[in-house]
Protein backbone atom coordinates (compact mmCIF):
# COMPACT_ATOMS: atom_id res chain seq x y z
CA MET A 1 12.72 -18.35 -10.97
CA THR A 2 11.47 -14.47 -12.56
CA ALA A 3 10.06 -11.94 -10.33
CA THR A 4 6.84 -10.79 -11.01
CA VAL A 5 3.78 -8.83 -9.91
CA ARG A 6 1.09 -10.57 -9.03
CA THR A 7 -2.34 -8.10 -10.17
CA VAL A 8 -5.92 -9.24 -10.09
CA LEU A 9 -5.81 -10.22 -13.37
CA GLY A 10 -2.32 -12.44 -13.23
CA ASP A 11 1.43 -12.26 -12.42
CA VAL A 12 3.06 -8.90 -14.94
CA ASP A 13 6.23 -8.90 -15.21
CA PRO A 14 7.75 -5.55 -13.04
CA ALA A 15 8.31 -3.43 -16.08
CA GLU A 16 4.66 -3.58 -17.16
CA LEU A 17 4.04 -1.72 -14.24
CA GLY A 18 4.73 1.48 -15.69
CA VAL A 19 3.74 5.12 -13.50
CA THR A 20 2.61 3.31 -10.28
CA ASP A 21 0.41 4.57 -7.20
CA SER A 22 1.90 2.44 -5.23
CA HIS A 23 -0.79 3.02 -2.11
CA ASP A 24 -4.03 3.98 -2.64
CA HIS A 25 -8.05 2.77 -2.28
CA LEU A 26 -10.72 2.09 -4.69
CA PHE A 27 -12.73 0.94 -2.07
CA ILE A 28 -12.73 1.02 1.89
CA ARG A 29 -15.14 1.49 4.83
CA SER A 30 -14.73 1.42 7.98
CA PRO A 31 -16.73 2.64 11.57
CA LEU A 32 -14.23 5.39 12.10
CA LEU A 33 -15.05 7.07 8.77
CA PRO A 34 -18.81 6.98 8.94
CA GLY A 35 -20.35 8.00 5.53
CA GLU A 36 -17.56 8.37 4.05
CA GLU A 37 -17.01 5.06 2.29
CA LEU A 38 -15.54 4.61 -1.22
CA ASP A 39 -18.10 1.79 -2.39
CA ASP A 40 -19.16 2.23 -5.55
CA PRO A 41 -17.87 0.72 -8.86
CA ALA A 42 -19.00 3.40 -11.15
CA ALA A 43 -16.89 6.10 -8.69
CA ALA A 44 -13.84 3.17 -8.76
CA GLU A 45 -14.05 3.35 -12.67
CA GLU A 46 -13.52 7.00 -12.97
CA VAL A 47 -10.57 7.48 -10.62
CA LEU A 48 -8.83 4.67 -12.77
CA ARG A 49 -10.01 6.44 -16.14
CA SER A 50 -8.77 9.52 -14.95
CA PHE A 51 -5.41 7.81 -13.63
CA ALA A 52 -5.17 6.54 -16.72
CA ALA A 53 -5.70 9.66 -18.80
CA GLY A 54 -2.39 11.19 -16.84
CA GLY A 55 -0.42 8.56 -17.82
CA GLY A 56 -1.00 6.44 -14.75
CA ARG A 57 -0.55 2.45 -15.34
CA THR A 58 -0.94 0.61 -12.04
CA PHE A 59 -2.48 1.20 -9.02
CA VAL A 60 -1.94 -0.52 -5.47
CA GLN A 61 -4.81 -0.96 -3.01
CA TRP A 62 -4.00 -1.61 0.48
CA THR A 63 -7.62 -2.23 1.77
CA PRO A 64 -7.53 -5.30 3.48
CA HIS A 65 -9.75 -8.08 4.32
CA GLY A 66 -12.71 -7.09 6.03
CA MET A 67 -12.78 -3.53 4.96
CA GLY A 68 -14.93 -3.64 1.77
CA ARG A 69 -12.23 -4.39 -0.97
CA GLY A 70 -14.25 -4.67 -3.65
CA ALA A 71 -12.86 -8.04 -4.33
CA ASP A 72 -15.78 -8.80 -6.29
CA ALA A 73 -15.28 -5.46 -8.96
CA LEU A 74 -11.49 -5.25 -9.02
CA ALA A 75 -10.69 -8.01 -11.83
CA ARG A 76 -13.37 -5.81 -13.94
CA LEU A 77 -12.49 -2.63 -13.22
CA SER A 78 -8.88 -3.61 -14.53
CA ARG A 79 -10.13 -5.38 -17.30
CA THR A 80 -12.36 -2.50 -18.55
CA THR A 81 -9.89 0.63 -17.92
CA GLY A 82 -6.21 -1.28 -19.10
CA VAL A 83 -4.90 0.17 -15.57
CA HIS A 84 -3.07 -3.13 -13.85
CA VAL A 85 -4.68 -3.13 -9.73
CA VAL A 86 -2.85 -4.76 -7.19
CA ALA A 87 -4.82 -5.55 -3.93
CA ALA A 88 -4.22 -6.59 -0.70
CA THR A 89 -5.16 -9.07 1.77
CA GLY A 90 -4.13 -8.52 5.80
CA MET A 91 -6.02 -7.10 8.33
CA HIS A 92 -6.17 -3.50 9.83
CA GLN A 93 -6.06 -1.83 13.39
CA ALA A 94 -8.91 -3.45 15.41
CA VAL A 95 -10.55 -0.55 15.45
CA HIS A 96 -11.66 -0.14 11.77
CA TYR A 97 -13.47 -3.62 12.11
CA GLY A 98 -16.07 -2.46 14.93
CA GLU A 99 -17.63 -4.86 17.57
CA ASP A 100 -18.64 -7.82 15.55
CA ALA A 101 -15.67 -7.89 12.76
CA GLY A 102 -17.22 -11.28 11.95
CA GLY A 103 -14.37 -12.84 15.37
CA LEU A 104 -11.89 -11.71 13.43
CA SER A 105 -10.67 -9.07 16.12
CA ALA A 106 -10.69 -11.82 18.48
CA ARG A 107 -9.49 -15.52 16.41
CA TYR A 108 -6.48 -15.24 15.26
CA ASP A 109 -6.12 -19.17 14.84
CA GLY A 110 -5.72 -19.83 11.15
CA LEU A 111 -4.89 -16.29 10.13
CA ALA A 112 -2.00 -16.78 8.66
CA GLU A 113 -3.31 -19.56 6.22
CA ARG A 114 -6.38 -16.79 5.49
CA PHE A 115 -3.31 -14.83 4.29
CA VAL A 116 -1.86 -17.30 2.22
CA THR A 117 -5.39 -18.68 0.34
CA GLU A 118 -5.62 -15.10 -0.47
CA LEU A 119 -2.36 -14.41 -2.02
CA THR A 120 -2.14 -18.10 -3.59
CA THR A 121 -5.82 -19.35 -4.44
CA GLY A 122 -8.22 -16.34 -4.30
CA LEU A 123 -9.95 -13.26 -2.53
CA PRO A 124 -13.19 -14.29 -1.06
CA GLY A 125 -16.03 -13.50 -3.31
CA ALA A 126 -14.01 -12.70 -5.95
CA PRO A 127 -14.15 -14.00 -9.71
CA GLU A 128 -11.83 -17.39 -9.92
CA GLY A 129 -8.15 -17.07 -9.92
CA VAL A 130 -8.13 -13.27 -8.51
CA ARG A 131 -5.54 -12.76 -6.14
CA ALA A 132 -3.75 -10.42 -3.35
CA GLY A 133 -0.23 -8.86 -4.37
CA LEU A 134 0.40 -7.75 -0.99
CA ILE A 135 -0.05 -8.39 2.40
CA LYS A 136 -1.57 -5.14 4.68
CA VAL A 137 -0.65 -4.38 8.17
CA ALA A 138 -0.84 -1.91 10.74
CA CYS A 139 1.08 -0.21 13.60
CA ASP A 140 -0.45 1.39 17.06
CA VAL A 141 -0.09 4.45 18.26
CA GLY A 142 1.98 3.91 21.88
CA PRO A 143 2.80 0.23 22.89
CA SER A 144 1.70 -2.48 20.68
CA SER A 145 -1.32 -4.46 21.06
CA THR A 146 -1.49 -8.31 20.97
CA HIS A 147 -3.85 -7.92 17.68
CA THR A 148 -0.83 -6.14 16.16
CA ARG A 149 2.01 -8.15 17.44
CA LEU A 150 -0.45 -11.23 16.07
CA VAL A 151 -1.20 -9.98 12.97
CA MET A 152 2.21 -8.85 11.89
CA ALA A 153 3.41 -12.25 12.86
CA ALA A 154 1.19 -13.86 11.17
CA ALA A 155 1.94 -11.82 8.06
CA ALA A 156 5.28 -12.71 8.65
CA GLU A 157 4.37 -16.16 8.09
CA ALA A 158 2.20 -15.48 5.18
CA HIS A 159 5.36 -13.79 3.82
CA HIS A 160 7.68 -16.74 4.19
CA ALA A 161 5.29 -19.10 2.61
CA THR A 162 4.48 -17.28 -0.70
CA GLY A 163 7.43 -14.41 -0.85
CA ALA A 164 4.47 -11.43 -0.95
CA PRO A 165 5.86 -8.03 0.36
CA ILE A 166 4.65 -6.71 3.42
CA ALA A 167 2.98 -3.03 3.47
CA VAL A 168 2.48 -1.23 6.91
CA HIS A 169 0.04 1.16 8.19
CA LEU A 170 1.83 4.15 10.40
CA GLU A 171 -0.33 6.29 12.50
CA PRO A 172 1.10 9.28 13.77
CA GLY A 173 3.00 8.44 17.15
CA GLY A 174 3.46 5.49 15.92
CA ASP A 175 6.79 3.70 16.02
CA PRO A 176 8.54 2.63 12.98
CA TYR A 177 11.29 0.76 14.68
CA PHE A 178 9.02 -1.46 16.04
CA VAL A 179 7.60 -3.12 12.80
CA LEU A 180 11.51 -3.33 11.64
CA LEU A 181 12.01 -5.00 15.27
CA TRP A 182 9.13 -7.51 14.90
CA LEU A 183 8.81 -8.34 11.48
CA HIS A 184 12.68 -8.24 10.78
CA ASP A 185 14.76 -9.43 13.53
CA ARG A 186 11.68 -11.41 15.44
CA HIS A 187 10.38 -12.85 12.40
CA ARG A 188 13.48 -12.71 9.37
CA VAL A 189 11.28 -10.58 6.82
CA PRO A 190 13.76 -9.08 4.76
CA VAL A 191 14.03 -5.29 5.04
CA ASP A 192 13.61 -4.70 1.53
CA ARG A 193 10.00 -6.71 1.54
CA ILE A 194 8.86 -3.54 3.86
CA VAL A 195 6.74 -0.90 2.99
CA LEU A 196 6.29 1.26 5.31
CA GLY A 197 3.52 3.90 5.09
CA HIS A 198 2.20 7.42 5.81
CA LEU A 199 6.03 8.69 6.55
CA THR A 200 4.19 12.20 5.64
CA ARG A 201 2.87 11.42 9.21
CA LEU A 202 6.26 10.81 11.11
CA PRO A 203 8.29 14.04 9.76
CA ASP A 204 11.46 13.75 10.81
CA VAL A 205 14.33 13.72 7.80
CA ARG A 206 16.64 12.26 10.50
CA LEU A 207 13.99 9.51 10.96
CA HIS A 208 13.62 8.87 7.82
CA ARG A 209 17.21 8.46 6.72
CA GLU A 210 17.45 6.09 9.45
CA LEU A 211 15.19 3.61 8.01
CA ALA A 212 16.40 3.85 4.61
CA ASP A 213 19.85 3.28 5.45
CA GLU A 214 17.97 0.17 7.02
CA GLY A 215 16.69 -0.93 3.50
CA VAL A 216 12.88 -0.49 3.74
CA TYR A 217 10.95 1.38 1.24
CA LEU A 218 9.34 4.44 2.72
CA ALA A 219 5.73 5.24 0.78
CA LEU A 220 4.94 8.95 0.98
CA ASP A 221 1.23 8.98 0.99
CA SER A 222 -0.40 11.80 1.31
CA PRO A 223 -1.25 14.11 -2.14
CA SER A 224 -4.97 12.91 -2.36
CA ARG A 225 -5.40 15.61 0.69
CA ALA A 226 -6.06 18.56 -0.73
CA GLY A 227 -4.36 21.41 1.83
CA HIS A 228 -3.45 18.85 4.42
CA PRO A 229 -0.44 19.71 6.49
CA GLU A 230 0.71 16.32 5.39
CA ASP A 231 0.41 17.44 1.65
CA HIS A 232 2.70 20.12 1.92
CA GLN A 233 5.47 18.23 4.13
CA ALA A 234 5.67 15.69 1.09
CA PHE A 235 7.60 17.49 -1.25
CA ASP A 236 10.28 18.72 1.35
CA LEU A 237 10.79 15.46 2.97
CA ILE A 238 10.99 13.70 -0.41
CA ALA A 239 13.64 16.29 -1.10
CA GLY A 240 15.69 15.72 2.01
CA LEU A 241 15.86 11.97 1.78
CA VAL A 242 17.01 12.84 -2.17
CA ASP A 243 19.85 14.70 -0.91
CA ALA A 244 20.67 12.44 1.30
CA GLY A 245 21.37 9.43 -1.31
CA HIS A 246 17.47 7.77 -0.60
CA ALA A 247 16.18 8.13 -3.48
CA ASP A 248 15.96 4.44 -4.13
CA ARG A 249 13.91 3.84 -1.17
CA LEU A 250 10.90 6.07 -2.01
CA LEU A 251 7.29 5.32 -3.56
CA LEU A 252 4.83 7.52 -3.56
CA GLY A 253 0.99 7.24 -3.47
CA ALA A 254 -1.81 9.39 -2.91
CA ASP A 255 -3.66 6.89 -0.29
CA THR A 256 -7.16 8.04 -1.20
CA THR A 257 -9.44 6.77 1.84
CA THR A 258 -12.74 8.73 2.01
CA ARG A 259 -15.32 10.64 -0.66
CA THR A 260 -13.81 13.89 0.52
CA ALA A 261 -10.11 12.95 -0.68
CA ARG A 262 -11.49 11.58 -3.29
CA ARG A 263 -13.48 14.84 -4.10
CA ALA A 264 -10.25 16.90 -3.68
CA GLY A 265 -8.44 15.19 -6.71
CA GLY A 266 -7.46 11.66 -5.47
CA PRO A 267 -4.14 9.77 -7.48
CA SER A 268 -4.60 12.58 -10.04
CA ARG A 269 -2.94 14.73 -8.34
CA LEU A 270 0.29 12.43 -8.12
CA LEU A 271 0.56 13.01 -11.39
CA THR A 272 -0.92 16.98 -12.23
CA ASP A 273 0.95 18.20 -9.30
CA LEU A 274 3.77 16.00 -6.81
CA ALA A 275 5.13 14.67 -10.09
CA PRO A 276 5.68 18.07 -12.41
CA ARG A 277 7.23 19.72 -9.16
CA LEU A 278 9.88 16.85 -8.24
CA GLY A 279 10.63 16.46 -12.25
CA ARG A 280 10.66 20.58 -12.24
CA THR A 281 13.37 20.74 -9.29
CA PHE A 282 15.27 17.79 -9.62
CA GLY A 283 15.06 16.56 -13.42
CA PRO A 284 12.55 14.34 -15.22
CA GLU A 285 14.33 11.15 -14.01
CA LEU A 286 13.33 11.43 -10.29
CA PRO A 287 9.00 11.10 -10.68
CA GLU A 288 10.23 8.24 -12.97
CA LEU A 289 12.19 6.32 -10.03
CA LEU A 290 9.76 7.14 -7.58
CA LEU A 291 6.95 6.38 -9.75
CA THR A 292 7.79 3.56 -12.09
CA ALA A 293 11.23 1.58 -11.18
CA ASN A 294 11.06 1.90 -7.33
CA PRO A 295 7.29 0.05 -7.20
CA ALA A 296 8.57 -2.62 -9.79
CA ALA A 297 11.29 -3.39 -7.22
CA ALA A 298 9.43 -3.13 -4.33
CA PHE A 299 6.21 -4.99 -5.62
CA ALA A 300 7.77 -7.69 -7.45
CA THR A 301 8.16 -10.84 -5.77
CA ASP A 302 9.96 -14.83 -6.67
CA TRP A 303 6.46 -16.22 -5.58
CA ARG A 304 6.28 -19.46 -3.78
CA THR A 305 3.05 -21.53 -3.39
CA PRO A 306 3.47 -23.58 -0.24
């Protein structure tokens, strides 16, 4: 079999990805962020056009089921702008779904099957054949909840059925070692199929080195938030990991989750700010590795159909 990346317009050779924003959002909504919804297809199109104008070629959206991921618009936006779009299945923390959540926050029977269907058949509400290319889950702060354990177990089951990578949202104070314990040790998901997001929220270079030693991918994904403390930490954290020989484990993303963040520059800041700074310090090979070669490896899959 040949590994491919599953985009909303079909499977593509990893070599075709080009410059990739490895963690971002064109569409997302949450009751925790009232008034900050990203729900305008025209605005999403402008984001992709701006990203493409700066050299961007692939946009990986981590918005999971039930959070307004814009499934009906993703294929059209990709076709119109020429930017590959990778969509997500999966489920976030229960608090993002409000009281009703369509029963999802309490009903886990069939969750793995839902993920598999969205990865292999199509996304609800999307044109026929528009499929997800990764599974998004989330880790709690402090002790893991029943919700998190059940969703991760379903994600692992869907991974084994399809080969899909699993992307993990981490909170400040979250425990990435629990993620490895639950996904890898307990449910046998290979470490190179796990992407840990929001590592800038855990600004401990020693921790990052230990995680990279395990073989997972680390997504450093704060640059959409201009002036945010995480933005200023990202460069130093990347430098520390590069110096430790872990450049091949790093992914970059902007993680634009609000209208405010989008006004601050969104994914374009990856290309206009962070990448040039890395290039000046480490040479042009490093931005090429973090934005092109590593995503091609992290998101490529020998897809299986159960």
